[in-house]
Protein backbone atom coordinates (compact mmCIF):
# COMPACT_ATOMS: atom_id res chain seq x y z
CA MET A 1 -36.11 5.10 -12.35
CA VAL A 2 -36.09 8.79 -11.55
CA GLY A 3 -37.73 9.65 -8.25
CA SER A 4 -38.34 6.05 -7.30
CA GLY A 5 -36.68 6.41 -3.91
CA ASN A 6 -33.80 4.41 -2.50
CA THR A 7 -33.41 1.30 -4.60
CA SER A 8 -31.03 -1.51 -3.92
CA ASP A 9 -28.83 -0.34 -6.80
CA GLU A 10 -28.54 3.12 -5.29
CA LYS A 11 -27.58 1.71 -1.91
CA ASN A 12 -24.96 -0.55 -3.46
CA SER A 13 -23.58 2.29 -5.56
CA TRP A 14 -23.01 4.49 -2.51
CA ILE A 15 -21.43 1.62 -0.59
CA TYR A 16 -19.09 0.80 -3.48
CA ALA A 17 -18.20 4.48 -3.95
CA PHE A 18 -17.38 4.77 -0.25
CA ALA A 19 -15.28 1.60 -0.35
CA ILE A 20 -13.25 2.85 -3.31
CA LEU A 21 -12.75 6.29 -1.79
CA LEU A 22 -11.77 4.73 1.53
CA LEU A 23 -9.18 2.57 -0.20
CA VAL A 24 -7.72 5.62 -1.97
CA SER A 25 -7.70 7.56 1.31
CA VAL A 26 -5.85 4.79 3.13
CA VAL A 27 -3.24 4.59 0.37
CA MET A 28 -2.77 8.38 0.36
CA LEU A 29 -2.48 8.45 4.15
CA ALA A 30 0.02 5.59 4.12
CA LEU A 31 2.13 7.40 1.54
CA ARG A 32 2.03 10.59 3.60
CA LEU A 33 3.04 8.74 6.78
CA ALA A 34 5.85 7.02 4.87
CA GLY A 35 7.21 10.42 3.92
CA LYS A 36 6.32 10.16 0.24
CA GLN A 37 3.94 13.06 -0.15
CA PHE A 38 2.05 12.75 -3.41
CA LEU A 39 -0.11 15.88 -3.15
CA VAL A 40 -0.16 19.16 -1.25
CA VAL A 41 -2.00 18.74 2.07
CA GLU A 42 -4.85 21.15 1.25
CA PHE A 43 -5.43 19.53 -2.14
CA GLU A 44 -5.34 16.07 -0.57
CA ILE A 45 -7.92 17.05 2.05
CA ALA A 46 -10.21 18.71 -0.48
CA LEU A 47 -10.09 15.98 -3.12
CA VAL A 48 -9.47 12.79 -1.16
CA TYR A 49 -10.50 12.92 2.49
CA PHE A 50 -13.53 15.24 2.37
CA PRO A 51 -15.29 13.27 -0.41
CA THR A 52 -14.57 10.05 1.51
CA ILE A 53 -16.19 11.41 4.66
CA LEU A 54 -19.13 12.80 2.70
CA SER A 55 -19.74 9.56 0.79
CA GLY A 56 -19.48 7.60 4.05
CA ILE A 57 -22.18 9.75 5.62
CA ILE A 58 -24.41 9.38 2.56
CA ALA A 59 -23.81 5.62 2.36
CA ALA A 60 -24.70 5.20 6.03
CA TYR A 61 -27.84 7.31 5.59
CA VAL A 62 -28.99 5.48 2.45
CA LYS A 63 -28.25 2.08 4.02
CA SER A 64 -30.28 2.93 7.13
CA LYS A 65 -33.39 3.76 5.12
């Protein structure tokens, strides 16, 4: 429903999105630490780590409401 507030589905969606992004971030960081750089650092930060941090903040906010 549009404008219905924070439903359980919305909370779960943000938590799942954060979990998936966190998993991708951990894999990318592990590859970088292993010396197998997959992406350029700036691109990796912009498209992997920043969205993970942002979705984590949103998931924590939505879960607390």
